[in-house]
């Protein structure tokens, strides 16, 4: 049975106290490494803060995506790119496998910005994480999201609980600024096992042109292009 509710300020205040009392959660490696946003102190988790406003080459787009992951090209295990056109936007889709986890990005080559991003922890890593002494509550799950998005408030959050194979997951949805977010949090381990973010349509198509005038952008590059879906095989948990 799924339940959805909005997190209240009182509940969130209690959850923050509870988080401080759970050492296993504070020490959880997954929320401090692969599932984190960029590692630098000045980096932001929000894709809204990534972009130059100028046309990008393929290599520059890939570098922009890696900047958001917080990893370097040397740390990428596998990578592929693919072109897409969406209502006049020329998008380079970039997929990385890093430390067995999957990152997917959509880069607007015309305006040099990240328009979408997602992260999925591998099953092998997820199911080997240590369990908490007590399962995460919905308020504690909401607090994890607010740690990643300090500009958000408890009034922005909607949370839904679901059970899969005996495990409870929280899905947290919110919109902050011009970005829509979704987080999946494993209540057994206190880990963010997946997240995605996407620019809202209002921001995505505002003042966009379907023509890219920068001749340095090569829309026919295909060395990393793959049409098959078996470049990386890993069973994901199903909500």
Protein backbone atom coordinates (compact mmCIF):
# COMPACT_ATOMS: atom_id res chain seq x y z
CA UNK A 1 0.00 0.00 0.00
CA UNK A 2 1.52 3.28 -1.07
CA UNK A 3 1.06 6.39 1.02
CA UNK A 4 1.97 9.91 -0.02
CA UNK A 5 2.17 12.85 2.29
CA UNK A 6 3.76 16.23 2.62
CA UNK A 7 6.45 16.57 5.27
CA UNK A 8 5.57 19.12 7.92
CA UNK A 9 8.03 21.45 9.56
CA UNK A 10 7.46 19.82 12.96
CA UNK A 11 8.10 16.33 11.60
CA UNK A 12 11.22 17.47 9.80
CA UNK A 13 12.58 19.11 12.92
CA UNK A 14 12.17 15.84 14.77
CA UNK A 15 13.81 13.95 11.90
CA UNK A 16 16.93 16.10 12.01
CA UNK A 17 17.30 15.29 15.70
CA UNK A 18 16.84 11.62 14.92
CA UNK A 19 19.50 11.71 12.21
CA UNK A 20 22.05 13.07 14.63
CA UNK A 21 21.27 10.16 16.93
CA UNK A 22 21.91 7.49 14.27
CA UNK A 23 25.70 7.13 13.78
CA UNK A 24 25.29 4.48 11.05
CA UNK A 25 23.43 6.95 8.89
CA UNK A 26 25.96 9.71 9.35
CA UNK A 27 28.76 7.31 8.45
CA UNK A 28 26.98 5.78 5.46
CA UNK A 29 29.54 5.75 2.60
CA UNK A 30 27.08 5.81 -0.26
CA UNK A 31 25.79 9.28 0.58
CA UNK A 32 29.33 10.60 0.88
CA UNK A 33 30.84 9.19 -2.30
CA UNK A 34 29.29 7.89 -5.51
CA UNK A 35 25.79 9.20 -4.89
CA UNK A 36 27.04 12.64 -3.99
CA UNK A 37 27.03 15.68 -6.25
CA UNK A 38 30.37 17.22 -7.27
CA UNK A 39 33.00 16.95 -4.57
CA UNK A 40 34.41 20.49 -4.64
CA UNK A 41 33.26 22.90 -1.96
CA UNK A 42 31.87 25.35 -4.51
CA UNK A 43 29.97 22.72 -6.47
CA UNK A 44 26.20 22.55 -6.51
CA UNK A 45 24.03 19.48 -6.80
CA UNK A 46 21.53 21.34 -8.98
CA UNK A 47 22.04 21.08 -12.74
CA UNK A 48 20.64 24.61 -12.95
CA UNK A 49 24.05 25.84 -11.82
CA UNK A 50 25.95 24.14 -14.66
CA UNK A 51 26.24 25.80 -18.03
CA UNK A 52 28.06 28.45 -20.02
CA UNK A 53 25.25 29.77 -22.22
CA UNK A 54 27.48 29.07 -25.23
CA UNK A 55 27.58 26.25 -27.77
CA UNK A 56 29.64 23.21 -26.77
CA UNK A 57 31.61 20.60 -28.63
CA UNK A 58 31.11 16.94 -27.72
CA UNK A 59 34.23 16.96 -25.56
CA UNK A 60 33.14 20.08 -23.71
CA UNK A 61 29.69 18.59 -23.08
CA UNK A 62 31.21 15.42 -21.66
CA UNK A 63 33.49 17.51 -19.43
CA UNK A 64 30.48 19.46 -18.17
CA UNK A 65 28.70 16.24 -17.22
CA UNK A 66 31.79 14.93 -15.46
CA UNK A 67 32.09 18.20 -13.57
CA UNK A 68 28.67 17.55 -12.12
CA UNK A 69 29.48 13.95 -11.17
CA UNK A 70 32.61 15.07 -9.34
CA UNK A 71 34.70 12.45 -11.16
CA UNK A 72 37.42 12.72 -13.78
CA UNK A 73 37.61 11.04 -17.18
CA UNK A 74 40.25 8.64 -15.80
CA UNK A 75 37.71 7.33 -13.29
CA UNK A 76 35.14 6.43 -15.95
CA UNK A 77 34.89 2.68 -16.59
CA UNK A 78 32.58 2.87 -19.61
CA UNK A 79 31.07 5.70 -21.59
CA UNK A 80 28.81 6.25 -24.55
CA UNK A 81 27.18 9.21 -26.29
CA UNK A 82 24.17 9.60 -28.51
CA UNK A 83 22.51 12.54 -30.25
CA UNK A 84 18.89 13.52 -29.87
CA UNK A 85 16.78 16.41 -31.08
CA UNK A 86 13.87 17.59 -28.95
CA UNK A 87 11.67 20.49 -30.11
CA UNK A 88 14.61 22.39 -31.56
CA UNK A 89 17.09 21.44 -28.85
CA UNK A 90 20.23 19.57 -29.94
CA UNK A 91 20.94 17.20 -27.06
CA UNK A 92 24.00 15.07 -26.48
CA UNK A 93 23.09 12.15 -24.23
CA UNK A 94 26.07 11.00 -22.20
CA UNK A 95 26.15 7.82 -20.12
CA UNK A 96 28.92 6.86 -17.72
CA UNK A 97 29.65 3.77 -15.65
CA UNK A 98 31.75 4.81 -12.65
CA UNK A 99 32.58 2.36 -9.88
CA UNK A 100 29.73 0.13 -11.18
CA UNK A 101 27.17 2.96 -10.81
CA UNK A 102 25.39 4.55 -13.77
CA UNK A 103 25.15 8.25 -14.58
CA UNK A 104 23.05 9.63 -17.46
CA UNK A 105 23.17 13.21 -18.70
CA UNK A 106 21.43 15.29 -21.34
CA UNK A 107 23.50 18.27 -22.51
CA UNK A 108 22.09 21.11 -24.61
CA UNK A 109 24.84 21.62 -27.18
CA UNK A 110 23.41 24.96 -28.32
CA UNK A 111 23.28 26.67 -24.94
CA UNK A 112 25.95 24.71 -23.10
CA UNK A 113 23.87 23.52 -20.17
CA UNK A 114 22.87 20.31 -18.45
CA UNK A 115 19.15 19.75 -19.02
CA UNK A 116 18.81 16.40 -17.25
CA UNK A 117 20.85 14.09 -15.06
CA UNK A 118 20.31 10.82 -13.22
CA UNK A 119 22.19 8.41 -10.99
CA UNK A 120 21.58 4.70 -10.24
CA UNK A 121 23.53 2.75 -7.66
CA UNK A 122 24.39 -0.77 -8.82
CA UNK A 123 22.48 -3.65 -7.23
CA UNK A 124 25.72 -5.24 -6.07
CA UNK A 125 26.68 -2.12 -4.14
CA UNK A 126 23.18 -1.46 -2.84
CA UNK A 127 22.60 -4.91 -1.40
CA UNK A 128 26.01 -4.99 0.27
CA UNK A 129 25.47 -1.80 2.24
CA UNK A 130 25.18 -2.29 6.00
CA UNK A 131 21.68 -2.10 7.39
CA UNK A 132 20.69 0.51 9.93
CA UNK A 133 19.76 -0.61 13.43
CA UNK A 134 16.33 0.91 12.80
CA UNK A 135 14.73 1.57 9.43
CA UNK A 136 14.71 5.12 8.16
CA UNK A 137 11.49 7.08 8.71
CA UNK A 138 9.93 9.24 6.03
CA UNK A 139 11.00 12.39 7.86
CA UNK A 140 14.60 11.16 8.04
CA UNK A 141 14.48 10.40 4.31
CA UNK A 142 13.25 13.93 3.66
CA UNK A 143 16.11 15.32 5.73
CA UNK A 144 18.63 13.48 3.52
CA UNK A 145 17.19 15.26 0.48
CA UNK A 146 17.33 18.64 2.18
CA UNK A 147 21.00 18.04 2.95
CA UNK A 148 21.64 17.81 -0.80
CA UNK A 149 19.34 20.74 -1.62
CA UNK A 150 19.74 23.33 1.16
CA UNK A 151 17.79 25.85 -0.90
CA UNK A 152 14.68 23.66 -0.59
CA UNK A 153 12.26 23.67 2.32
CA UNK A 154 10.09 21.01 3.89
CA UNK A 155 7.09 22.62 2.17
CA UNK A 156 8.57 21.62 -1.21
CA UNK A 157 8.66 17.88 -0.47
CA UNK A 158 6.27 15.08 -1.29
CA UNK A 159 7.21 11.60 -0.14
CA UNK A 160 5.86 8.15 -0.97
CA UNK A 161 6.75 4.81 0.61
CA UNK A 162 6.85 1.56 -1.33
CA UNK A 163 7.93 -2.00 -0.55
CA UNK A 164 9.89 -4.19 -2.96
CA UNK A 165 11.24 -7.66 -2.14
CA UNK A 166 10.77 -7.01 1.54
CA UNK A 167 12.62 -3.68 1.47
CA UNK A 168 11.05 -0.27 1.98
CA UNK A 169 11.98 2.59 -0.34
CA UNK A 170 11.02 6.24 -0.10
CA UNK A 171 10.42 8.25 -3.24
CA UNK A 172 10.84 11.96 -2.64
CA UNK A 173 9.68 14.48 -5.27
CA UNK A 174 10.14 18.22 -5.33
CA UNK A 175 10.67 21.20 -7.60
CA UNK A 176 13.18 23.88 -6.66
CA UNK A 177 13.73 26.85 -8.94
CA UNK A 178 13.70 25.54 -12.50
CA UNK A 179 14.58 21.92 -11.66
CA UNK A 180 12.35 18.94 -10.91
CA UNK A 181 13.90 16.30 -8.62
CA UNK A 182 13.19 12.70 -7.70
CA UNK A 183 15.07 10.65 -5.08
CA UNK A 184 14.79 6.96 -4.18
CA UNK A 185 16.02 6.18 -0.69
CA UNK A 186 16.52 2.73 0.81
CA UNK A 187 14.97 2.79 4.27
CA UNK A 188 17.00 -0.26 5.34
CA UNK A 189 20.40 1.33 4.74
CA UNK A 190 19.67 5.07 4.75
CA UNK A 191 21.19 5.42 1.27
CA UNK A 192 20.09 7.44 -1.74
CA UNK A 193 20.15 4.64 -4.30
CA UNK A 194 19.01 6.75 -7.25
CA UNK A 195 18.16 10.31 -8.14
CA UNK A 196 17.23 12.28 -11.21
CA UNK A 197 16.77 15.93 -12.01
CA UNK A 198 15.45 17.72 -15.06
CA UNK A 199 14.91 21.32 -16.08
CA UNK A 200 11.27 22.34 -16.09
CA UNK A 201 9.68 22.95 -19.48
CA UNK A 202 9.43 26.66 -18.66
CA UNK A 203 13.19 26.86 -18.29
CA UNK A 204 14.05 24.29 -20.94
CA UNK A 205 12.36 25.99 -23.88
CA UNK A 206 12.51 29.64 -22.85
CA UNK A 207 14.05 31.61 -25.72
CA UNK A 208 15.44 28.53 -27.42
CA UNK A 209 16.51 28.45 -31.06
CA UNK A 210 16.59 25.28 -33.14
CA UNK A 211 19.68 26.46 -35.02
CA UNK A 212 23.21 26.07 -33.74
CA UNK A 213 25.52 28.55 -35.43
CA UNK A 214 28.73 27.25 -33.87
CA UNK A 215 30.52 25.30 -36.60
CA UNK A 216 32.77 23.64 -34.02
CA UNK A 217 29.90 21.45 -32.84
CA UNK A 218 29.95 18.20 -34.77
CA UNK A 219 26.51 16.57 -34.93
CA UNK A 220 27.73 13.64 -37.02
CA UNK A 221 30.20 12.21 -34.55
CA UNK A 222 29.38 8.55 -33.97
CA UNK A 223 32.44 6.83 -32.47
CA UNK A 224 30.73 6.41 -29.11
CA UNK A 225 27.21 6.04 -30.47
CA UNK A 226 25.38 2.82 -29.63
CA UNK A 227 21.83 1.84 -30.49
CA UNK A 228 21.80 -1.33 -28.40
CA UNK A 229 20.93 -1.49 -24.72
CA UNK A 230 23.37 -4.22 -23.69
CA UNK A 231 26.51 -2.08 -23.36
CA UNK A 232 26.09 -2.37 -19.61
CA UNK A 233 24.05 -5.10 -17.97
CA UNK A 234 22.95 -4.76 -14.38
CA UNK A 235 19.60 -5.59 -12.87
CA UNK A 236 18.05 -2.62 -11.10
CA UNK A 237 15.55 -2.86 -8.30
CA UNK A 238 12.01 -2.23 -9.47
CA UNK A 239 9.88 0.14 -7.50
